[in-house]
Amino acid sequence: MFILGRPDYKDSYWDGCPHVLMTHVVTSACVNHKYQDCVAVCPVEAFRELPTYLVIDPDECIDCGACIAECPVEAIYADTDVPEEEEAWIEKNETECVDAEIAEGDSPILADD
């Protein structure tokens, strides 16, 4: 929906042209690791916590990309860059974030270092 020539998206960017919103996605590499480095650098509360991994709420993610470099297991991708074998995680992030608690960054890491 467009209002006054601008896309009606909460976090859309505008430079004279409407942009399609992009978000980031946590993939299977996070399972049984749940490192919290990404949560610490997220400027909004986009990460949600499940028992064995994290997901990103696409309605909260502002596409800053800060989390990508912080993930020690390389589990985070822009939704347009998710490897084909991990594409199911795009929907998984979107659906599982709904009932999950906001990640605070203080949960135990599950990985064995």
PDB file of N, CA and C in Angstrom:
ATOM      1  N   MET A   1       0.840  -1.170   0.000  1.00  0.00           N
ATOM      2  CA  MET A   1       0.000   0.000   0.000  1.00  0.00           C
ATOM      3  C   MET A   1       0.889   1.238   0.000  1.00  0.00           C
ATOM      4  N   PHE A   2       0.564   2.202  -0.825  1.00  0.00           N
ATOM      5  CA  PHE A   2       1.342   3.426  -0.895  1.00  0.00           C
ATOM      6  C   PHE A   2       0.547   4.580  -0.314  1.00  0.00           C
ATOM      7  N   ILE A   3       1.208   5.375   0.497  1.00  0.00           N
ATOM      8  CA  ILE A   3       0.599   6.570   1.068  1.00  0.00           C
ATOM      9  C   ILE A   3       1.487   7.748   0.706  1.00  0.00           C
ATOM     10  N   LEU A   4       0.925   8.758   0.084  1.00  0.00           N
ATOM     11  CA  LEU A   4       1.681   9.940  -0.326  1.00  0.00           C
ATOM     12  C   LEU A   4       2.928   9.573  -1.117  1.00  0.00           C
ATOM     13  N   GLY A   5       2.817   8.565  -1.970  1.00  0.00           N
ATOM     14  CA  GLY A   5       3.932   8.180  -2.819  1.00  0.00           C
ATOM     15  C   GLY A   5       5.002   7.368  -2.135  1.00  0.00           C
ATOM     16  N   ARG A   6       4.808   7.055  -0.875  1.00  0.00           N
ATOM     17  CA  ARG A   6       5.798   6.272  -0.137  1.00  0.00           C
ATOM     18  C   ARG A   6       5.207   4.925   0.230  1.00  0.00           C
ATOM     19  N   PRO A   7       6.027   3.904   0.250  1.00  0.00           N
ATOM     20  CA  PRO A   7       5.506   2.609   0.656  1.00  0.00           C
ATOM     21  C   PRO A   7       5.089   2.648   2.128  1.00  0.00           C
ATOM     22  N   ASP A   8       4.005   2.006   2.447  1.00  0.00           N
ATOM     23  CA  ASP A   8       3.510   1.991   3.817  1.00  0.00           C
ATOM     24  C   ASP A   8       4.149   0.845   4.590  1.00  0.00           C
ATOM     25  N   TYR A   9       5.446   0.915   4.772  1.00  0.00           N
ATOM     26  CA  TYR A   9       6.191  -0.068   5.543  1.00  0.00           C
ATOM     27  C   TYR A   9       6.881   0.653   6.679  1.00  0.00           C
ATOM     28  N   LYS A  10       6.812   0.074   7.838  1.00  0.00           N
ATOM     29  CA  LYS A  10       7.371   0.685   9.037  1.00  0.00           C
ATOM     30  C   LYS A  10       8.846   1.020   8.897  1.00  0.00           C
ATOM     31  N   ASP A  11       9.624   0.129   8.324  1.00  0.00           N
ATOM     32  CA  ASP A  11      11.066   0.318   8.284  1.00  0.00           C
ATOM     33  C   ASP A  11      11.616   0.532   6.878  1.00  0.00           C
ATOM     34  N   SER A  12      10.780   0.962   5.959  1.00  0.00           N
ATOM     35  CA  SER A  12      11.238   1.167   4.589  1.00  0.00           C
ATOM     36  C   SER A  12      12.238   2.312   4.510  1.00  0.00           C
ATOM     37  N   TYR A  13      13.124   2.198   3.573  1.00  0.00           N
ATOM     38  CA  TYR A  13      14.067   3.274   3.319  1.00  0.00           C
ATOM     39  C   TYR A  13      13.563   4.050   2.120  1.00  0.00           C
ATOM     40  N   TRP A  14      13.847   5.325   2.064  1.00  0.00           N
ATOM     41  CA  TRP A  14      13.317   6.160   1.011  1.00  0.00           C
ATOM     42  C   TRP A  14      14.409   7.098   0.518  1.00  0.00           C
ATOM     43  N   ASP A  15      14.683   7.027  -0.761  1.00  0.00           N
ATOM     44  CA  ASP A  15      15.615   7.975  -1.380  1.00  0.00           C
ATOM     45  C   ASP A  15      15.025   8.464  -2.689  1.00  0.00           C
ATOM     46  N   GLY A  16      13.713   8.552  -2.706  1.00  0.00           N
ATOM     47  CA  GLY A  16      13.021   8.956  -3.911  1.00  0.00           C
ATOM     48  C   GLY A  16      12.412   7.782  -4.650  1.00  0.00           C
ATOM     49  N   CYS A  17      12.819   6.579  -4.288  1.00  0.00           N
ATOM     50  CA  CYS A  17      12.288   5.366  -4.906  1.00  0.00           C
ATOM     51  C   CYS A  17      11.850   4.410  -3.806  1.00  0.00           C
ATOM     52  N   PRO A  18      10.706   3.784  -3.960  1.00  0.00           N
ATOM     53  CA  PRO A  18      10.320   2.806  -2.944  1.00  0.00           C
ATOM     54  C   PRO A  18      11.233   1.592  -2.998  1.00  0.00           C
ATOM     55  N   HIS A  19      11.521   1.053  -1.862  1.00  0.00           N
ATOM     56  CA  HIS A  19      12.374  -0.121  -1.764  1.00  0.00           C
ATOM     57  C   HIS A  19      11.565  -1.287  -1.217  1.00  0.00           C
ATOM     58  N   VAL A  20      11.887  -2.465  -1.690  1.00  0.00           N
ATOM     59  CA  VAL A  20      11.302  -3.672  -1.128  1.00  0.00           C
ATOM     60  C   VAL A  20      12.044  -3.954   0.166  1.00  0.00           C
ATOM     61  N   LEU A  21      11.309  -4.228   1.222  1.00  0.00           N
ATOM     62  CA  LEU A  21      11.945  -4.520   2.495  1.00  0.00           C
ATOM     63  C   LEU A  21      12.692  -5.837   2.427  1.00  0.00           C
ATOM     64  N   MET A  22      13.854  -5.842   2.998  1.00  0.00           N
ATOM     65  CA  MET A  22      14.623  -7.059   3.106  1.00  0.00           C
ATOM     66  C   MET A  22      14.880  -7.265   4.582  1.00  0.00           C
ATOM     67  N   THR A  23      14.999  -8.473   4.984  1.00  0.00           N
ATOM     68  CA  THR A  23      15.302  -8.787   6.368  1.00  0.00           C
ATOM     69  C   THR A  23      16.424  -9.811   6.404  1.00  0.00           C
ATOM     70  N   HIS A  24      16.849 -10.147   7.571  1.00  0.00           N
ATOM     71  CA  HIS A  24      17.879 -11.156   7.727  1.00  0.00           C
ATOM     72  C   HIS A  24      17.265 -12.397   8.337  1.00  0.00           C
ATOM     73  N   VAL A  25      17.940 -13.521   8.127  1.00  0.00           N
ATOM     74  CA  VAL A  25      17.409 -14.824   8.487  1.00  0.00           C
ATOM     75  C   VAL A  25      18.478 -15.621   9.221  1.00  0.00           C
ATOM     76  N   VAL A  26      18.085 -16.249  10.327  1.00  0.00           N
ATOM     77  CA  VAL A  26      18.964 -17.192  11.017  1.00  0.00           C
ATOM     78  C   VAL A  26      18.699 -18.569  10.412  1.00  0.00           C
ATOM     79  N   THR A  27      19.751 -19.294  10.098  1.00  0.00           N
ATOM     80  CA  THR A  27      19.614 -20.611   9.459  1.00  0.00           C
ATOM     81  C   THR A  27      20.040 -21.741  10.412  1.00  0.00           C
ATOM     82  N   SER A  28      20.068 -22.948   9.896  1.00  0.00           N
ATOM     83  CA  SER A  28      20.284 -24.147  10.712  1.00  0.00           C
ATOM     84  C   SER A  28      21.629 -24.184  11.436  1.00  0.00           C
ATOM     85  N   ALA A  29      22.599 -23.433  11.002  1.00  0.00           N
ATOM     86  CA  ALA A  29      23.907 -23.428  11.670  1.00  0.00           C
ATOM     87  C   ALA A  29      23.810 -22.951  13.116  1.00  0.00           C
ATOM     88  N   CYS A  30      22.739 -22.255  13.460  1.00  0.00           N
ATOM     89  CA  CYS A  30      22.547 -21.770  14.824  1.00  0.00           C
ATOM     90  C   CYS A  30      22.059 -22.866  15.772  1.00  0.00           C
ATOM     91  N   VAL A  31      21.431 -23.891  15.221  1.00  0.00           N
ATOM     92  CA  VAL A  31      20.831 -24.944  16.045  1.00  0.00           C
ATOM     93  C   VAL A  31      21.896 -25.598  16.934  1.00  0.00           C
ATOM     94  N   ASN A  32      21.561 -25.706  18.195  1.00  0.00           N
ATOM     95  CA  ASN A  32      22.423 -26.275  19.238  1.00  0.00           C
ATOM     96  C   ASN A  32      23.703 -25.472  19.487  1.00  0.00           C
ATOM     97  N   HIS A  33      23.707 -24.215  19.049  1.00  0.00           N
ATOM     98  CA  HIS A  33      24.799 -23.298  19.359  1.00  0.00           C
ATOM     99  C   HIS A  33      24.255 -22.108  20.138  1.00  0.00           C
ATOM    100  N   LYS A  34      23.386 -21.359  19.507  1.00  0.00           N
ATOM    101  CA  LYS A  34      22.704 -20.208  20.108  1.00  0.00           C
ATOM    102  C   LYS A  34      23.681 -19.185  20.704  1.00  0.00           C
ATOM    103  N   TYR A  35      24.702 -18.840  19.930  1.00  0.00           N
ATOM    104  CA  TYR A  35      25.587 -17.762  20.354  1.00  0.00           C
ATOM    105  C   TYR A  35      24.782 -16.478  20.455  1.00  0.00           C
ATOM    106  N   GLN A  36      25.177 -15.584  21.321  1.00  0.00           N
ATOM    107  CA  GLN A  36      24.410 -14.371  21.574  1.00  0.00           C
ATOM    108  C   GLN A  36      25.079 -13.103  21.029  1.00  0.00           C
ATOM    109  N   ASP A  37      26.197 -13.243  20.328  1.00  0.00           N
ATOM    110  CA  ASP A  37      26.927 -12.083  19.805  1.00  0.00           C
ATOM    111  C   ASP A  37      26.034 -11.213  18.917  1.00  0.00           C
ATOM    112  N   CYS A  38      25.206 -11.851  18.108  1.00  0.00           N
ATOM    113  CA  CYS A  38      24.319 -11.136  17.191  1.00  0.00           C
ATOM    114  C   CYS A  38      23.283 -10.316  17.945  1.00  0.00           C
ATOM    115  N   VAL A  39      22.799 -10.853  19.038  1.00  0.00           N
ATOM    116  CA  VAL A  39      21.793 -10.156  19.846  1.00  0.00           C
ATOM    117  C   VAL A  39      22.391  -8.869  20.412  1.00  0.00           C
ATOM    118  N   ALA A  40      23.642  -8.947  20.843  1.00  0.00           N
ATOM    119  CA  ALA A  40      24.305  -7.798  21.461  1.00  0.00           C
ATOM    120  C   ALA A  40      24.463  -6.612  20.513  1.00  0.00           C
ATOM    121  N   VAL A  41      24.620  -6.871  19.215  1.00  0.00           N
ATOM    122  CA  VAL A  41      24.843  -5.766  18.273  1.00  0.00           C
ATOM    123  C   VAL A  41      23.567  -5.298  17.571  1.00  0.00           C
ATOM    124  N   CYS A  42      22.476  -5.994  17.771  1.00  0.00           N
ATOM    125  CA  CYS A  42      21.220  -5.625  17.105  1.00  0.00           C
ATOM    126  C   CYS A  42      20.678  -4.325  17.704  1.00  0.00           C
ATOM    127  N   PRO A  43      20.495  -3.280  16.880  1.00  0.00           N
ATOM    128  CA  PRO A  43      20.024  -1.994  17.407  1.00  0.00           C
ATOM    129  C   PRO A  43      18.524  -1.969  17.719  1.00  0.00           C
ATOM    130  N   VAL A  44      17.817  -2.992  17.283  1.00  0.00           N
ATOM    131  CA  VAL A  44      16.401  -3.142  17.609  1.00  0.00           C
ATOM    132  C   VAL A  44      16.243  -4.527  18.233  1.00  0.00           C
ATOM    133  N   GLU A  45      15.124  -4.843  18.755  1.00  0.00           N
ATOM    134  CA  GLU A  45      14.938  -6.156  19.384  1.00  0.00           C
ATOM    135  C   GLU A  45      14.386  -7.153  18.371  1.00  0.00           C
ATOM    136  N   ALA A  46      15.197  -7.471  17.353  1.00  0.00           N
ATOM    137  CA  ALA A  46      14.746  -8.327  16.264  1.00  0.00           C
ATOM    138  C   ALA A  46      14.916  -9.814  16.543  1.00  0.00           C
ATOM    139  N   PHE A  47      15.828 -10.182  17.437  1.00  0.00           N
ATOM    140  CA  PHE A  47      16.087 -11.597  17.689  1.00  0.00           C
ATOM    141  C   PHE A  47      15.090 -12.171  18.677  1.00  0.00           C
ATOM    142  N   ARG A  48      14.656 -13.382  18.378  1.00  0.00           N
ATOM    143  CA  ARG A  48      13.748 -14.126  19.247  1.00  0.00           C
ATOM    144  C   ARG A  48      14.430 -15.428  19.624  1.00  0.00           C
ATOM    145  N   GLU A  49      14.133 -15.886  20.830  1.00  0.00           N
ATOM    146  CA  GLU A  49      14.830 -17.049  21.365  1.00  0.00           C
ATOM    147  C   GLU A  49      13.918 -18.261  21.476  1.00  0.00           C
ATOM    148  N   LEU A  50      14.412 -19.357  20.934  1.00  0.00           N
ATOM    149  CA  LEU A  50      13.764 -20.663  21.055  1.00  0.00           C
ATOM    150  C   LEU A  50      14.705 -21.547  21.873  1.00  0.00           C
ATOM    151  N   PRO A  51      14.276 -22.726  22.282  1.00  0.00           N
ATOM    152  CA  PRO A  51      15.134 -23.540  23.168  1.00  0.00           C
ATOM    153  C   PRO A  51      16.538 -23.839  22.644  1.00  0.00           C
ATOM    154  N   THR A  52      16.694 -24.071  21.335  1.00  0.00           N
ATOM    155  CA  THR A  52      18.019 -24.462  20.836  1.00  0.00           C
ATOM    156  C   THR A  52      18.577 -23.552  19.751  1.00  0.00           C
ATOM    157  N   TYR A  53      17.896 -22.483  19.409  1.00  0.00           N
ATOM    158  CA  TYR A  53      18.392 -21.555  18.388  1.00  0.00           C
ATOM    159  C   TYR A  53      17.641 -20.231  18.471  1.00  0.00           C
ATOM    160  N   LEU A  54      18.134 -19.277  17.688  1.00  0.00           N
ATOM    161  CA  LEU A  54      17.515 -17.962  17.590  1.00  0.00           C
ATOM    162  C   LEU A  54      16.840 -17.820  16.233  1.00  0.00           C
ATOM    163  N   VAL A  55      15.889 -16.909  16.132  1.00  0.00           N
ATOM    164  CA  VAL A  55      15.292 -16.516  14.852  1.00  0.00           C
ATOM    165  C   VAL A  55      15.201 -14.996  14.841  1.00  0.00           C
ATOM    166  N   ILE A  56      14.971 -14.446  13.663  1.00  0.00           N
ATOM    167  CA  ILE A  56      14.826 -12.995  13.514  1.00  0.00           C
ATOM    168  C   ILE A  56      13.391 -12.682  13.137  1.00  0.00           C
ATOM    169  N   ASP A  57      12.814 -11.708  13.839  1.00  0.00           N
ATOM    170  CA  ASP A  57      11.468 -11.239  13.526  1.00  0.00           C
ATOM    171  C   ASP A  57      11.573 -10.282  12.337  1.00  0.00           C
ATOM    172  N   PRO A  58      11.029 -10.652  11.179  1.00  0.00           N
ATOM    173  CA  PRO A  58      11.171  -9.797   9.995  1.00  0.00           C
ATOM    174  C   PRO A  58      10.452  -8.453  10.131  1.00  0.00           C
ATOM    175  N   ASP A  59       9.501  -8.357  11.046  1.00  0.00           N
ATOM    176  CA  ASP A  59       8.812  -7.087  11.269  1.00  0.00           C
ATOM    177  C   ASP A  59       9.634  -6.125  12.109  1.00  0.00           C
ATOM    178  N   GLU A  60      10.632  -6.638  12.802  1.00  0.00           N
ATOM    179  CA  GLU A  60      11.494  -5.800  13.642  1.00  0.00           C
ATOM    180  C   GLU A  60      12.849  -5.516  13.003  1.00  0.00           C
ATOM    181  N   CYS A  61      13.343  -6.438  12.191  1.00  0.00           N
ATOM    182  CA  CYS A  61      14.653  -6.291  11.559  1.00  0.00           C
ATOM    183  C   CYS A  61      14.668  -5.056  10.664  1.00  0.00           C
ATOM    184  N   ILE A  62      15.688  -4.229  10.823  1.00  0.00           N
ATOM    185  CA  ILE A  62      15.812  -3.011  10.010  1.00  0.00           C
ATOM    186  C   ILE A  62      16.872  -3.156   8.918  1.00  0.00           C
ATOM    187  N   ASP A  63      17.349  -4.359   8.703  1.00  0.00           N
ATOM    188  CA  ASP A  63      18.284  -4.644   7.622  1.00  0.00           C
ATOM    189  C   ASP A  63      19.601  -3.891   7.750  1.00  0.00           C
ATOM    190  N   CYS A  64      20.079  -3.741   8.972  1.00  0.00           N
ATOM    191  CA  CYS A  64      21.354  -3.036   9.146  1.00  0.00           C
ATOM    192  C   CYS A  64      22.543  -3.951   8.851  1.00  0.00           C
ATOM    193  N   GLY A  65      22.357  -5.270   9.021  1.00  0.00           N
ATOM    194  CA  GLY A  65      23.412  -6.225   8.735  1.00  0.00           C
ATOM    195  C   GLY A  65      24.472  -6.384   9.811  1.00  0.00           C
ATOM    196  N   ALA A  66      24.332  -5.696  10.926  1.00  0.00           N
ATOM    197  CA  ALA A  66      25.339  -5.769  11.987  1.00  0.00           C
ATOM    198  C   ALA A  66      25.523  -7.186  12.520  1.00  0.00           C
ATOM    199  N   CYS A  67      24.476  -7.961  12.508  1.00  0.00           N
ATOM    200  CA  CYS A  67      24.510  -9.310  13.079  1.00  0.00           C
ATOM    201  C   CYS A  67      25.320 -10.297  12.246  1.00  0.00           C
ATOM    202  N   ILE A  68      25.402 -10.092  10.956  1.00  0.00           N
ATOM    203  CA  ILE A  68      26.043 -11.070  10.073  1.00  0.00           C
ATOM    204  C   ILE A  68      27.496 -11.318  10.473  1.00  0.00           C
ATOM    205  N   ALA A  69      28.258 -10.275  10.624  1.00  0.00           N
ATOM    206  CA  ALA A  69      29.683 -10.409  10.949  1.00  0.00           C
ATOM    207  C   ALA A  69      29.917 -10.941  12.359  1.00  0.00           C
ATOM    208  N   GLU A  70      28.950 -10.773  13.236  1.00  0.00           N
ATOM    209  CA  GLU A  70      29.119 -11.196  14.625  1.00  0.00           C
ATOM    210  C   GLU A  70      28.846 -12.670  14.859  1.00  0.00           C
ATOM    211  N   CYS A  71      28.191 -13.329  13.933  1.00  0.00           N
ATOM    212  CA  CYS A  71      27.814 -14.734  14.128  1.00  0.00           C
ATOM    213  C   CYS A  71      29.020 -15.642  13.894  1.00  0.00           C
ATOM    214  N   PRO A  72      29.496 -16.321  14.949  1.00  0.00           N
ATOM    215  CA  PRO A  72      30.694 -17.158  14.794  1.00  0.00           C
ATOM    216  C   PRO A  72      30.467 -18.437  13.981  1.00  0.00           C
ATOM    217  N   VAL A  73      29.198 -18.815  13.745  1.00  0.00           N
ATOM    218  CA  VAL A  73      28.923 -20.016  12.959  1.00  0.00           C
ATOM    219  C   VAL A  73      28.332 -19.681  11.590  1.00  0.00           C
ATOM    220  N   GLU A  74      28.352 -18.412  11.224  1.00  0.00           N
ATOM    221  CA  GLU A  74      27.874 -17.938   9.919  1.00  0.00           C
ATOM    222  C   GLU A  74      26.468 -18.437   9.606  1.00  0.00           C
ATOM    223  N   ALA A  75      25.568 -18.246  10.583  1.00  0.00           N
ATOM    224  CA  ALA A  75      24.189 -18.713  10.443  1.00  0.00           C
ATOM    225  C   ALA A  75      23.238 -17.645   9.922  1.00  0.00           C
ATOM    226  N   ILE A  76      23.697 -16.405   9.784  1.00  0.00           N
ATOM    227  CA  ILE A  76      22.793 -15.300   9.434  1.00  0.00           C
ATOM    228  C   ILE A  76      23.078 -14.806   8.017  1.00  0.00           C
ATOM    229  N   TYR A  77      22.000 -14.662   7.256  1.00  0.00           N
ATOM    230  CA  TYR A  77      22.081 -14.192   5.871  1.00  0.00           C
ATOM    231  C   TYR A  77      20.981 -13.169   5.614  1.00  0.00           C
ATOM    232  N   ALA A  78      21.218 -12.291   4.637  1.00  0.00           N
ATOM    233  CA  ALA A  78      20.127 -11.486   4.103  1.00  0.00           C
ATOM    234  C   ALA A  78      19.164 -12.459   3.447  1.00  0.00           C
ATOM    235  N   ASP A  79      17.861 -12.172   3.487  1.00  0.00           N
ATOM    236  CA  ASP A  79      16.901 -13.139   2.955  1.00  0.00           C
ATOM    237  C   ASP A  79      17.107 -13.428   1.469  1.00  0.00           C
ATOM    238  N   THR A  80      17.738 -12.525   0.764  1.00  0.00           N
ATOM    239  CA  THR A  80      18.008 -12.743  -0.663  1.00  0.00           C
ATOM    240  C   THR A  80      19.277 -13.556  -0.901  1.00  0.00           C
ATOM    241  N   ASP A  81      20.063 -13.799   0.148  1.00  0.00           N
ATOM    242  CA  ASP A  81      21.328 -14.525   0.028  1.00  0.00           C
ATOM    243  C   ASP A  81      21.323 -15.887   0.713  1.00  0.00           C
ATOM    244  N   VAL A  82      20.190 -16.304   1.228  1.00  0.00           N
ATOM    245  CA  VAL A  82      20.116 -17.589   1.926  1.00  0.00           C
ATOM    246  C   VAL A  82      20.425 -18.712   0.938  1.00  0.00           C
ATOM    247  N   PRO A  83      21.343 -19.606   1.298  1.00  0.00           N
ATOM    248  CA  PRO A  83      21.642 -20.732   0.403  1.00  0.00           C
ATOM    249  C   PRO A  83      20.378 -21.554   0.131  1.00  0.00           C
ATOM    250  N   GLU A  84      20.306 -22.115  -1.045  1.00  0.00           N
ATOM    251  CA  GLU A  84      19.115 -22.850  -1.466  1.00  0.00           C
ATOM    252  C   GLU A  84      18.706 -23.925  -0.457  1.00  0.00           C
ATOM    253  N   GLU A  85      19.679 -24.631   0.090  1.00  0.00           N
ATOM    254  CA  GLU A  85      19.356 -25.705   1.030  1.00  0.00           C
ATOM    255  C   GLU A  85      18.843 -25.186   2.380  1.00  0.00           C
ATOM    256  N   GLU A  86      18.949 -23.880   2.598  1.00  0.00           N
ATOM    257  CA  GLU A  86      18.497 -23.273   3.851  1.00  0.00           C
ATOM    258  C   GLU A  86      17.238 -22.408   3.673  1.00  0.00           C
ATOM    259  N   GLU A  87      16.669 -22.370   2.476  1.00  0.00           N
ATOM    260  CA  GLU A  87      15.549 -21.466   2.205  1.00  0.00           C
ATOM    261  C   GLU A  87      14.326 -21.702   3.081  1.00  0.00           C
ATOM    262  N   ALA A  88      14.133 -22.905   3.588  1.00  0.00           N
ATOM    263  CA  ALA A  88      13.006 -23.172   4.490  1.00  0.00           C
ATOM    264  C   ALA A  88      13.108 -22.339   5.767  1.00  0.00           C
ATOM    265  N   TRP A  89      14.309 -21.904   6.086  1.00  0.00           N
ATOM    266  CA  TRP A  89      14.516 -21.101   7.291  1.00  0.00           C
ATOM    267  C   TRP A  89      13.949 -19.689   7.160  1.00  0.00           C
ATOM    268  N   ILE A  90      13.713 -19.226   5.956  1.00  0.00           N
ATOM    269  CA  ILE A  90      13.086 -17.915   5.782  1.00  0.00           C
ATOM    270  C   ILE A  90      11.694 -17.955   6.409  1.00  0.00           C
ATOM    271  N   GLU A  91      10.910 -18.950   6.039  1.00  0.00           N
ATOM    272  CA  GLU A  91       9.568 -19.090   6.617  1.00  0.00           C
ATOM    273  C   GLU A  91       9.636 -19.470   8.092  1.00  0.00           C
ATOM    274  N   LYS A  92      10.608 -20.297   8.445  1.00  0.00           N
ATOM    275  CA  LYS A  92      10.761 -20.719   9.839  1.00  0.00           C
ATOM    276  C   LYS A  92      10.977 -19.503  10.746  1.00  0.00           C
ATOM    277  N   ASN A  93      11.820 -18.552  10.330  1.00  0.00           N
ATOM    278  CA  ASN A  93      12.038 -17.337  11.108  1.00  0.00           C
ATOM    279  C   ASN A  93      10.739 -16.555  11.239  1.00  0.00           C
ATOM    280  N   GLU A  94      10.047 -16.415  10.126  1.00  0.00           N
ATOM    281  CA  GLU A  94       8.819 -15.623  10.106  1.00  0.00           C
ATOM    282  C   GLU A  94       7.728 -16.217  10.997  1.00  0.00           C
ATOM    283  N   THR A  95       7.560 -17.516  10.985  1.00  0.00           N
ATOM    284  CA  THR A  95       6.474 -18.130  11.755  1.00  0.00           C
ATOM    285  C   THR A  95       6.853 -18.372  13.215  1.00  0.00           C
ATOM    286  N   GLU A  96       8.084 -18.766  13.480  1.00  0.00           N
ATOM    287  CA  GLU A  96       8.464 -19.098  14.848  1.00  0.00           C
ATOM    288  C   GLU A  96       8.737 -17.885  15.720  1.00  0.00           C
ATOM    289  N   CYS A  97       8.980 -16.740  15.118  1.00  0.00           N
ATOM    290  CA  CYS A  97       9.239 -15.545  15.913  1.00  0.00           C
ATOM    291  C   CYS A  97       7.980 -15.054  16.626  1.00  0.00           C
ATOM    292  N   VAL A  98       6.824 -15.401  16.109  1.00  0.00           N
ATOM    293  CA  VAL A  98       5.559 -14.872  16.617  1.00  0.00           C
ATOM    294  C   VAL A  98       5.358 -15.157  18.101  1.00  0.00           C
ATOM    295  N   ASP A  99       5.597 -16.375  18.524  1.00  0.00           N
ATOM    296  CA  ASP A  99       5.355 -16.761  19.911  1.00  0.00           C
ATOM    297  C   ASP A  99       6.621 -16.831  20.758  1.00  0.00           C
ATOM    298  N   ALA A 100       7.757 -16.546  20.169  1.00  0.00           N
ATOM    299  CA  ALA A 100       9.025 -16.652  20.894  1.00  0.00           C
ATOM    300  C   ALA A 100       9.318 -15.376  21.677  1.00  0.00           C
ATOM    301  N   GLU A 101      10.036 -15.540  22.765  1.00  0.00           N
ATOM    302  CA  GLU A 101      10.443 -14.409  23.604  1.00  0.00           C
ATOM    303  C   GLU A 101      11.541 -13.602  22.915  1.00  0.00           C
ATOM    304  N   ILE A 102      11.591 -12.327  23.204  1.00  0.00           N
ATOM    305  CA  ILE A 102      12.678 -11.474  22.708  1.00  0.00           C
ATOM    306  C   ILE A 102      13.984 -11.965  23.329  1.00  0.00           C
ATOM    307  N   ALA A 103      14.988 -12.157  22.500  1.00  0.00           N
ATOM    308  CA  ALA A 103      16.307 -12.576  22.993  1.00  0.00           C
ATOM    309  C   ALA A 103      16.967 -11.408  23.679  1.00  0.00           C
ATOM    310  N   GLU A 104      17.437 -11.634  24.892  1.00  0.00           N
ATOM    311  CA  GLU A 104      18.073 -10.579  25.687  1.00  0.00           C
ATOM    312  C   GLU A 104      19.600 -10.667  25.628  1.00  0.00           C
ATOM    313  N   GLY A 105      20.113 -11.783  25.103  1.00  0.00           N
ATOM    314  CA  GLY A 105      21.563 -11.942  24.994  1.00  0.00           C
ATOM    315  C   GLY A 105      22.205 -12.542  26.218  1.00  0.00           C
ATOM    316  N   ASP A 106      21.402 -12.996  27.182  1.00  0.00           N
ATOM    317  CA  ASP A 106      21.976 -13.514  28.411  1.00  0.00           C
ATOM    318  C   ASP A 106      21.727 -15.009  28.616  1.00  0.00           C
ATOM    319  N   SER A 107      21.236 -15.684  27.605  1.00  0.00           N
ATOM    320  CA  SER A 107      21.001 -17.128  27.714  1.00  0.00           C
ATOM    321  C   SER A 107      22.299 -17.888  27.555  1.00  0.00           C
ATOM    322  N   PRO A 108      22.379 -19.073  28.129  1.00  0.00           N
ATOM    323  CA  PRO A 108      23.597 -19.872  27.974  1.00  0.00           C
ATOM    324  C   PRO A 108      23.815 -20.289  26.521  1.00  0.00           C
ATOM    325  N   ILE A 109      25.072 -20.285  26.130  1.00  0.00           N
ATOM    326  CA  ILE A 109      25.441 -20.765  24.800  1.00  0.00           C
ATOM    327  C   ILE A 109      25.426 -22.289  24.855  1.00  0.00           C
ATOM    328  N   LEU A 110      24.871 -22.920  23.846  1.00  0.00           N
ATOM    329  CA  LEU A 110      24.725 -24.373  23.834  1.00  0.00           C
ATOM    330  C   LEU A 110      25.916 -25.092  23.233  1.00  0.00           C
ATOM    331  N   ALA A 111      26.735 -24.392  22.459  1.00  0.00           N
ATOM    332  CA  ALA A 111      27.857 -25.019  21.762  1.00  0.00           C
ATOM    333  C   ALA A 111      28.962 -25.401  22.731  1.00  0.00           C
ATOM    334  N   ASP A 112      29.646 -26.467  22.391  1.00  0.00           N
ATOM    335  CA  ASP A 112      30.837 -26.851  23.134  1.00  0.00           C
ATOM    336  C   ASP A 112      32.012 -26.153  22.486  1.00  0.00           C
ATOM    337  N   ASP A 113      32.685 -25.331  23.239  1.00  0.00           N
ATOM    338  CA  ASP A 113      33.832 -24.599  22.678  1.00  0.00           C
ATOM    339  C   ASP A 113      35.071 -25.445  22.644  1.00  0.00           C
TER     340      ASP A 113
END
